[in-house]
Amino acid sequence: MLQIFKCSHQFLVILCAVLFVSSHAQADVSILQKLRFGEVIITNNNMLYSISVNPDGSFGHAGSIIKITDPQPGIYQIDDLTPNALINVTATQLQPLSGGGNFFTLKNFQVVHSNSDASGLADITLGATAETSGNSLAYDSRTYNGTIQLQISY
């Protein structure tokens, strides 16, 4: 679940997790498409291997990763921003994608966004790289979930 709230100094924070409710006004977040790295088979986890998805939907992966389904960028729409504002968006990983005793680390975030329009609406497209743990442990067949923070300043 994504939540967004206005903070002091005109910052907005979006988390892929539940936030503590603040007394600040809420903006609306629409998840048009979740950031996903597809279904893959990790054939060897003896070192770091990665799969990347770009904001334009293109993707690539290391030779020890076999793609079953395509990755997809995250696409989000934010409203209740200051109309016609220039915005800046940064992404960071708060929790790795984890499950079944293993994890993926997200890095090299790519953020493409519009500035807010006359109605205070902005579009954000997110790409990133998911890197295996490299710890020689096998990856279970399951969904790996984590937390990403998008910080919007204007």
N, C-alpha and C. Protein backbone atom coordinates (compact mmCIF):
# COMPACT_ATOMS: atom_id res chain seq x y z
N MET A 1 0.84 -1.18 0.00
CA MET A 1 0.00 0.00 0.00
C MET A 1 0.88 1.24 0.00
N LEU A 2 0.54 2.21 -0.79
CA LEU A 2 1.26 3.47 -0.81
C LEU A 2 0.45 4.50 -0.05
N GLN A 3 1.13 5.25 0.78
CA GLN A 3 0.51 6.39 1.44
C GLN A 3 1.39 7.58 1.19
N ILE A 4 0.79 8.72 1.19
CA ILE A 4 1.54 9.95 0.98
C ILE A 4 1.06 10.97 1.99
N PHE A 5 1.96 11.75 2.53
CA PHE A 5 1.55 12.82 3.42
C PHE A 5 2.46 14.01 3.22
N LYS A 6 1.91 15.18 3.49
CA LYS A 6 2.68 16.41 3.37
C LYS A 6 3.44 16.63 4.66
N CYS A 7 4.69 16.98 4.52
CA CYS A 7 5.55 17.27 5.67
C CYS A 7 5.95 18.74 5.59
N SER A 8 6.61 19.19 6.62
CA SER A 8 7.10 20.56 6.61
C SER A 8 8.14 20.73 5.49
N HIS A 9 8.40 21.93 5.13
CA HIS A 9 9.35 22.28 4.08
C HIS A 9 8.88 21.76 2.72
N GLN A 10 7.59 21.58 2.55
CA GLN A 10 6.98 21.18 1.29
C GLN A 10 7.57 19.89 0.73
N PHE A 11 7.73 18.88 1.57
CA PHE A 11 8.15 17.57 1.12
C PHE A 11 6.98 16.61 1.17
N LEU A 12 6.93 15.67 0.26
CA LEU A 12 5.95 14.60 0.27
C LEU A 12 6.71 13.29 0.32
N VAL A 13 6.21 12.34 1.04
CA VAL A 13 6.87 11.04 1.13
C VAL A 13 5.87 9.96 0.76
N ILE A 14 6.27 9.05 -0.10
CA ILE A 14 5.44 7.91 -0.47
C ILE A 14 6.19 6.68 0.00
N LEU A 15 5.51 5.81 0.71
CA LEU A 15 6.12 4.57 1.16
C LEU A 15 5.31 3.40 0.66
N CYS A 16 5.98 2.32 0.28
CA CYS A 16 5.29 1.09 -0.08
C CYS A 16 5.07 0.30 1.20
N ALA A 17 4.56 0.93 2.19
CA ALA A 17 4.25 0.34 3.50
C ALA A 17 3.33 1.31 4.22
N VAL A 18 2.80 0.89 5.34
CA VAL A 18 1.91 1.76 6.10
C VAL A 18 2.75 2.74 6.92
N LEU A 19 2.38 4.00 6.89
CA LEU A 19 3.06 5.03 7.66
C LEU A 19 2.22 5.36 8.89
N PHE A 20 2.86 5.88 9.90
CA PHE A 20 2.11 6.40 11.03
C PHE A 20 1.35 7.63 10.55
N VAL A 21 0.14 7.75 10.96
CA VAL A 21 -0.70 8.85 10.52
C VAL A 21 -0.21 10.14 11.17
N SER A 22 -0.06 11.15 10.37
CA SER A 22 0.36 12.44 10.90
C SER A 22 -0.81 13.40 10.81
N SER A 23 -0.64 14.55 11.38
CA SER A 23 -1.70 15.55 11.33
C SER A 23 -1.65 16.37 10.05
N HIS A 24 -0.70 16.05 9.16
CA HIS A 24 -0.57 16.80 7.92
C HIS A 24 -1.62 16.33 6.91
N ALA A 25 -1.94 17.20 5.96
CA ALA A 25 -2.93 16.87 4.94
C ALA A 25 -2.43 15.72 4.08
N GLN A 26 -3.35 14.90 3.63
CA GLN A 26 -3.02 13.75 2.79
C GLN A 26 -3.19 14.11 1.32
N ALA A 27 -2.27 13.64 0.49
CA ALA A 27 -2.43 13.74 -0.95
C ALA A 27 -2.84 12.36 -1.44
N ASP A 28 -3.41 12.30 -2.61
CA ASP A 28 -3.85 11.02 -3.15
C ASP A 28 -2.77 10.42 -4.04
N VAL A 29 -2.54 9.12 -3.88
CA VAL A 29 -1.61 8.36 -4.69
C VAL A 29 -2.39 7.30 -5.44
N SER A 30 -2.23 7.25 -6.73
CA SER A 30 -2.82 6.19 -7.54
C SER A 30 -1.69 5.33 -8.07
N ILE A 31 -1.76 4.04 -7.78
CA ILE A 31 -0.77 3.10 -8.31
C ILE A 31 -1.33 2.59 -9.63
N LEU A 32 -0.76 3.04 -10.71
CA LEU A 32 -1.21 2.61 -12.03
C LEU A 32 -0.57 1.27 -12.39
N GLN A 33 0.65 1.04 -11.90
CA GLN A 33 1.36 -0.22 -12.15
C GLN A 33 2.45 -0.36 -11.09
N LYS A 34 2.49 -1.49 -10.41
CA LYS A 34 3.51 -1.73 -9.39
C LYS A 34 4.86 -2.04 -10.04
N LEU A 35 5.94 -1.59 -9.40
CA LEU A 35 7.29 -1.96 -9.82
C LEU A 35 7.47 -3.45 -9.57
N ARG A 36 7.80 -4.20 -10.60
CA ARG A 36 7.98 -5.66 -10.49
C ARG A 36 9.22 -6.06 -11.29
N PHE A 37 9.88 -7.09 -10.81
CA PHE A 37 11.05 -7.62 -11.49
C PHE A 37 10.76 -8.93 -12.20
N GLY A 38 9.48 -9.24 -12.37
CA GLY A 38 9.05 -10.41 -13.10
C GLY A 38 9.26 -11.68 -12.31
N GLU A 39 8.97 -12.79 -12.95
CA GLU A 39 9.25 -14.10 -12.37
C GLU A 39 10.55 -14.58 -12.99
N VAL A 40 11.46 -14.99 -12.14
CA VAL A 40 12.79 -15.41 -12.60
C VAL A 40 13.22 -16.68 -11.88
N ILE A 41 14.20 -17.35 -12.46
CA ILE A 41 14.88 -18.47 -11.82
C ILE A 41 16.32 -18.04 -11.60
N ILE A 42 16.77 -18.14 -10.36
CA ILE A 42 18.17 -17.84 -10.03
C ILE A 42 18.91 -19.17 -10.07
N THR A 43 19.74 -19.39 -11.09
CA THR A 43 20.41 -20.68 -11.24
C THR A 43 21.65 -20.82 -10.38
N ASN A 44 22.23 -19.68 -9.97
CA ASN A 44 23.44 -19.71 -9.18
C ASN A 44 23.49 -18.43 -8.34
N ASN A 45 23.61 -18.57 -7.04
CA ASN A 45 23.64 -17.40 -6.15
C ASN A 45 24.99 -17.33 -5.42
N ASN A 46 26.06 -17.72 -6.11
CA ASN A 46 27.38 -17.70 -5.48
C ASN A 46 28.06 -16.34 -5.56
N MET A 47 27.48 -15.40 -6.28
CA MET A 47 27.96 -14.03 -6.33
C MET A 47 26.77 -13.12 -6.66
N LEU A 48 26.99 -11.83 -6.72
CA LEU A 48 25.91 -10.88 -6.98
C LEU A 48 25.52 -10.91 -8.46
N TYR A 49 24.22 -11.12 -8.71
CA TYR A 49 23.66 -11.06 -10.05
C TYR A 49 22.48 -10.10 -10.00
N SER A 50 22.14 -9.52 -11.14
CA SER A 50 21.08 -8.52 -11.09
C SER A 50 20.12 -8.63 -12.27
N ILE A 51 18.94 -8.04 -12.03
CA ILE A 51 17.94 -7.85 -13.07
C ILE A 51 17.49 -6.39 -12.96
N SER A 52 17.42 -5.72 -14.12
CA SER A 52 17.08 -4.30 -14.14
C SER A 52 15.86 -4.06 -15.00
N VAL A 53 15.06 -3.10 -14.58
CA VAL A 53 13.94 -2.63 -15.40
C VAL A 53 14.06 -1.11 -15.47
N ASN A 54 13.94 -0.58 -16.67
CA ASN A 54 14.05 0.85 -16.91
C ASN A 54 12.67 1.48 -16.98
N PRO A 55 12.58 2.80 -16.76
CA PRO A 55 11.28 3.47 -16.81
C PRO A 55 10.54 3.29 -18.13
N ASP A 56 11.27 3.07 -19.23
CA ASP A 56 10.61 2.88 -20.52
C ASP A 56 10.13 1.44 -20.73
N GLY A 57 10.35 0.56 -19.73
CA GLY A 57 9.91 -0.83 -19.82
C GLY A 57 10.95 -1.79 -20.32
N SER A 58 12.06 -1.29 -20.85
CA SER A 58 13.13 -2.19 -21.27
C SER A 58 13.79 -2.80 -20.04
N PHE A 59 14.42 -3.94 -20.21
CA PHE A 59 15.01 -4.62 -19.06
C PHE A 59 16.18 -5.49 -19.50
N GLY A 60 16.97 -5.92 -18.54
CA GLY A 60 18.10 -6.81 -18.78
C GLY A 60 18.40 -7.58 -17.52
N HIS A 61 19.17 -8.68 -17.67
CA HIS A 61 19.51 -9.50 -16.51
C HIS A 61 20.80 -10.25 -16.75
N ALA A 62 21.41 -10.71 -15.64
CA ALA A 62 22.65 -11.46 -15.68
C ALA A 62 22.40 -12.86 -16.22
N GLY A 63 23.46 -13.52 -16.70
CA GLY A 63 23.36 -14.85 -17.26
C GLY A 63 22.88 -15.91 -16.30
N SER A 64 23.05 -15.74 -15.00
CA SER A 64 22.60 -16.73 -14.01
C SER A 64 21.14 -16.52 -13.62
N ILE A 65 20.46 -15.60 -14.30
CA ILE A 65 19.04 -15.36 -14.06
C ILE A 65 18.28 -15.71 -15.33
N ILE A 66 17.29 -16.58 -15.19
CA ILE A 66 16.44 -16.95 -16.32
C ILE A 66 15.09 -16.26 -16.12
N LYS A 67 14.70 -15.45 -17.10
CA LYS A 67 13.44 -14.71 -17.03
C LYS A 67 12.29 -15.61 -17.44
N ILE A 68 11.25 -15.64 -16.62
CA ILE A 68 10.02 -16.35 -16.95
C ILE A 68 8.97 -15.35 -17.44
N THR A 69 8.73 -14.28 -16.66
CA THR A 69 7.84 -13.20 -17.09
C THR A 69 8.60 -11.89 -17.04
N ASP A 70 8.19 -10.95 -17.88
CA ASP A 70 8.89 -9.67 -17.99
C ASP A 70 8.74 -8.80 -16.74
N PRO A 71 9.79 -8.07 -16.39
CA PRO A 71 9.68 -7.04 -15.35
C PRO A 71 8.85 -5.87 -15.88
N GLN A 72 8.42 -4.99 -14.97
CA GLN A 72 7.69 -3.79 -15.37
C GLN A 72 8.05 -2.64 -14.44
N PRO A 73 8.14 -1.43 -15.00
CA PRO A 73 8.41 -0.27 -14.15
C PRO A 73 7.20 0.07 -13.29
N GLY A 74 7.43 0.79 -12.22
CA GLY A 74 6.34 1.30 -11.40
C GLY A 74 5.81 2.59 -12.00
N ILE A 75 4.50 2.73 -12.03
CA ILE A 75 3.88 3.95 -12.56
C ILE A 75 2.89 4.46 -11.52
N TYR A 76 3.09 5.70 -11.10
CA TYR A 76 2.29 6.29 -10.04
C TYR A 76 1.79 7.66 -10.48
N GLN A 77 0.65 8.05 -9.92
CA GLN A 77 0.10 9.38 -10.17
C GLN A 77 -0.18 10.01 -8.81
N ILE A 78 0.29 11.23 -8.62
CA ILE A 78 0.13 11.95 -7.36
C ILE A 78 -0.70 13.20 -7.64
N ASP A 79 -1.69 13.45 -6.77
CA ASP A 79 -2.42 14.70 -6.93
C ASP A 79 -2.39 15.48 -5.62
N ASP A 80 -3.01 16.62 -5.61
CA ASP A 80 -3.03 17.54 -4.47
C ASP A 80 -1.67 18.20 -4.25
N LEU A 81 -0.88 18.32 -5.32
CA LEU A 81 0.37 19.08 -5.27
C LEU A 81 0.07 20.54 -5.60
N THR A 82 1.01 21.40 -5.37
CA THR A 82 0.86 22.79 -5.77
C THR A 82 0.74 22.83 -7.30
N PRO A 83 -0.28 23.46 -7.84
CA PRO A 83 -0.44 23.52 -9.30
C PRO A 83 0.77 24.15 -9.99
N ASN A 84 1.14 23.57 -11.13
CA ASN A 84 2.23 24.07 -11.99
C ASN A 84 3.57 24.20 -11.25
N ALA A 85 3.83 23.31 -10.32
CA ALA A 85 5.08 23.37 -9.55
C ALA A 85 6.15 22.50 -10.20
N LEU A 86 7.38 22.97 -10.13
CA LEU A 86 8.52 22.15 -10.50
C LEU A 86 8.78 21.22 -9.33
N ILE A 87 8.89 19.91 -9.59
CA ILE A 87 9.11 18.96 -8.50
C ILE A 87 10.41 18.21 -8.72
N ASN A 88 10.92 17.65 -7.64
CA ASN A 88 12.08 16.78 -7.65
C ASN A 88 11.68 15.49 -6.95
N VAL A 89 12.04 14.34 -7.52
CA VAL A 89 11.67 13.06 -6.95
C VAL A 89 12.91 12.21 -6.78
N THR A 90 13.10 11.65 -5.58
CA THR A 90 14.19 10.70 -5.33
C THR A 90 13.61 9.42 -4.76
N ALA A 91 14.29 8.30 -5.02
CA ALA A 91 13.84 7.00 -4.54
C ALA A 91 14.95 6.34 -3.74
N THR A 92 14.57 5.69 -2.64
CA THR A 92 15.51 4.93 -1.83
C THR A 92 14.83 3.65 -1.34
N GLN A 93 15.63 2.64 -1.09
CA GLN A 93 15.11 1.39 -0.55
C GLN A 93 15.14 1.48 0.97
N LEU A 94 14.00 1.21 1.60
CA LEU A 94 13.93 1.17 3.07
C LEU A 94 14.09 -0.25 3.59
N GLN A 95 13.57 -1.22 2.87
CA GLN A 95 13.70 -2.64 3.22
C GLN A 95 13.96 -3.43 1.96
N PRO A 96 14.91 -4.38 1.98
CA PRO A 96 15.16 -5.19 0.78
C PRO A 96 13.97 -6.06 0.44
N LEU A 97 13.92 -6.52 -0.80
CA LEU A 97 12.90 -7.48 -1.21
C LEU A 97 13.26 -8.80 -0.55
N SER A 98 12.44 -9.26 0.37
CA SER A 98 12.80 -10.46 1.13
C SER A 98 11.67 -11.46 1.16
N GLY A 99 12.05 -12.69 1.47
CA GLY A 99 11.10 -13.79 1.59
C GLY A 99 11.87 -15.11 1.59
N GLY A 100 11.43 -16.06 2.38
CA GLY A 100 12.04 -17.38 2.37
C GLY A 100 13.49 -17.43 2.81
N GLY A 101 13.93 -16.47 3.62
CA GLY A 101 15.30 -16.49 4.12
C GLY A 101 16.33 -15.87 3.20
N ASN A 102 15.91 -15.33 2.07
CA ASN A 102 16.85 -14.67 1.17
C ASN A 102 16.29 -13.32 0.76
N PHE A 103 17.05 -12.53 0.00
CA PHE A 103 16.64 -11.17 -0.30
C PHE A 103 17.28 -10.68 -1.59
N PHE A 104 16.72 -9.57 -2.10
CA PHE A 104 17.28 -8.80 -3.21
C PHE A 104 17.48 -7.37 -2.71
N THR A 105 18.58 -6.76 -3.09
CA THR A 105 18.84 -5.36 -2.76
C THR A 105 18.52 -4.51 -3.99
N LEU A 106 17.77 -3.44 -3.79
CA LEU A 106 17.44 -2.54 -4.88
C LEU A 106 18.46 -1.41 -4.94
N LYS A 107 18.87 -1.07 -6.14
CA LYS A 107 19.83 0.02 -6.33
C LYS A 107 19.60 0.64 -7.70
N ASN A 108 20.37 1.67 -8.02
CA ASN A 108 20.31 2.35 -9.32
C ASN A 108 18.89 2.73 -9.71
N PHE A 109 18.19 3.39 -8.79
CA PHE A 109 16.82 3.83 -9.09
C PHE A 109 16.85 4.84 -10.24
N GLN A 110 15.88 4.72 -11.12
CA GLN A 110 15.69 5.66 -12.22
C GLN A 110 14.28 6.23 -12.08
N VAL A 111 14.20 7.53 -11.92
CA VAL A 111 12.90 8.19 -11.73
C VAL A 111 12.67 9.16 -12.88
N VAL A 112 11.55 8.96 -13.57
CA VAL A 112 11.12 9.89 -14.61
C VAL A 112 9.79 10.45 -14.14
N HIS A 113 9.66 11.78 -14.16
CA HIS A 113 8.42 12.37 -13.66
C HIS A 113 8.07 13.63 -14.42
N SER A 114 6.80 13.96 -14.35
CA SER A 114 6.34 15.25 -14.87
C SER A 114 6.35 16.22 -13.70
N ASN A 115 6.28 17.50 -14.00
CA ASN A 115 6.01 18.49 -12.97
C ASN A 115 4.50 18.51 -12.76
N SER A 116 4.04 19.12 -11.70
CA SER A 116 2.59 19.13 -11.48
C SER A 116 1.92 20.01 -12.54
N ASP A 117 0.75 19.57 -12.95
CA ASP A 117 0.00 20.33 -13.96
C ASP A 117 -0.88 21.37 -13.27
N ALA A 118 -1.75 21.99 -14.03
CA ALA A 118 -2.61 23.07 -13.51
C ALA A 118 -3.54 22.57 -12.41
N SER A 119 -3.83 21.28 -12.37
CA SER A 119 -4.70 20.74 -11.32
C SER A 119 -3.90 20.12 -10.16
N GLY A 120 -2.56 20.23 -10.19
CA GLY A 120 -1.73 19.70 -9.11
C GLY A 120 -1.43 18.21 -9.24
N LEU A 121 -1.52 17.66 -10.45
CA LEU A 121 -1.30 16.24 -10.72
C LEU A 121 0.08 16.04 -11.34
N ALA A 122 0.80 14.99 -10.88
CA ALA A 122 2.10 14.65 -11.46
C ALA A 122 2.17 13.14 -11.67
N ASP A 123 2.90 12.74 -12.71
CA ASP A 123 3.12 11.33 -13.03
C ASP A 123 4.55 10.96 -12.70
N ILE A 124 4.75 9.75 -12.15
CA ILE A 124 6.08 9.26 -11.80
C ILE A 124 6.22 7.84 -12.36
N THR A 125 7.33 7.59 -13.04
CA THR A 125 7.66 6.25 -13.51
C THR A 125 8.98 5.86 -12.88
N LEU A 126 9.04 4.64 -12.32
CA LEU A 126 10.18 4.20 -11.54
C LEU A 126 10.79 2.92 -12.11
N GLY A 127 12.09 2.94 -12.32
CA GLY A 127 12.85 1.76 -12.68
C GLY A 127 13.92 1.53 -11.63
N ALA A 128 14.52 0.34 -11.61
CA ALA A 128 15.56 0.04 -10.62
C ALA A 128 16.26 -1.27 -11.00
N THR A 129 17.28 -1.59 -10.23
CA THR A 129 18.00 -2.85 -10.37
C THR A 129 17.82 -3.64 -9.08
N ALA A 130 17.47 -4.92 -9.21
CA ALA A 130 17.39 -5.84 -8.06
C ALA A 130 18.61 -6.75 -8.14
N GLU A 131 19.37 -6.77 -7.07
CA GLU A 131 20.61 -7.55 -7.01
C GLU A 131 20.46 -8.70 -6.03
N THR A 132 20.89 -9.90 -6.44
CA THR A 132 20.80 -11.07 -5.56
C THR A 132 21.72 -10.89 -4.36
N SER A 133 21.55 -11.74 -3.36
CA SER A 133 22.35 -11.66 -2.14
C SER A 133 23.78 -12.15 -2.34
N GLY A 134 23.98 -13.08 -3.26
CA GLY A 134 25.32 -13.64 -3.48
C GLY A 134 25.81 -14.50 -2.33
N ASN A 135 24.89 -14.96 -1.47
CA ASN A 135 25.28 -15.70 -0.26
C ASN A 135 25.24 -17.22 -0.44
N SER A 136 25.07 -17.70 -1.67
CA SER A 136 25.02 -19.13 -2.03
C SER A 136 23.74 -19.84 -1.56
N LEU A 137 22.84 -19.15 -0.87
CA LEU A 137 21.57 -19.77 -0.48
C LEU A 137 20.61 -19.73 -1.67
N ALA A 138 19.83 -20.79 -1.81
CA ALA A 138 18.86 -20.86 -2.90
C ALA A 138 17.70 -19.90 -2.64
N TYR A 139 17.10 -19.42 -3.72
CA TYR A 139 15.89 -18.60 -3.64
C TYR A 139 14.68 -19.51 -3.75
N ASP A 140 13.76 -19.40 -2.78
CA ASP A 140 12.52 -20.16 -2.82
C ASP A 140 11.60 -19.60 -3.89
N SER A 141 10.67 -20.41 -4.33
CA SER A 141 9.65 -19.98 -5.27
C SER A 141 8.57 -19.24 -4.49
N ARG A 142 8.65 -17.93 -4.46
CA ARG A 142 7.71 -17.09 -3.71
C ARG A 142 7.83 -15.66 -4.18
N THR A 143 6.98 -14.81 -3.68
CA THR A 143 7.04 -13.38 -3.96
C THR A 143 7.95 -12.72 -2.92
N TYR A 144 8.86 -11.89 -3.40
CA TYR A 144 9.78 -11.14 -2.53
C TYR A 144 9.31 -9.69 -2.49
N ASN A 145 9.01 -9.19 -1.29
CA ASN A 145 8.48 -7.84 -1.12
C ASN A 145 9.43 -7.00 -0.29
N GLY A 146 9.44 -5.69 -0.55
CA GLY A 146 10.25 -4.76 0.21
C GLY A 146 9.57 -3.42 0.28
N THR A 147 10.32 -2.42 0.71
CA THR A 147 9.77 -1.07 0.88
C THR A 147 10.67 -0.05 0.16
N ILE A 148 10.03 0.77 -0.65
CA ILE A 148 10.71 1.85 -1.36
C ILE A 148 10.08 3.16 -0.92
N GLN A 149 10.91 4.16 -0.73
CA GLN A 149 10.42 5.50 -0.40
C GLN A 149 10.66 6.42 -1.60
N LEU A 150 9.61 7.11 -2.01
CA LEU A 150 9.73 8.16 -3.01
C LEU A 150 9.55 9.48 -2.27
N GLN A 151 10.52 10.36 -2.40
CA GLN A 151 10.43 11.66 -1.75
C GLN A 151 10.25 12.72 -2.84
N ILE A 152 9.19 13.50 -2.69
CA ILE A 152 8.86 14.52 -3.67
C ILE A 152 8.99 15.89 -3.02
N SER A 153 9.85 16.72 -3.59
CA SER A 153 9.99 18.08 -3.06
C SER A 153 9.63 19.07 -4.16
N TYR A 154 9.04 20.18 -3.73
CA TYR A 154 8.63 21.22 -4.68
C TYR A 154 8.60 22.57 -4.02
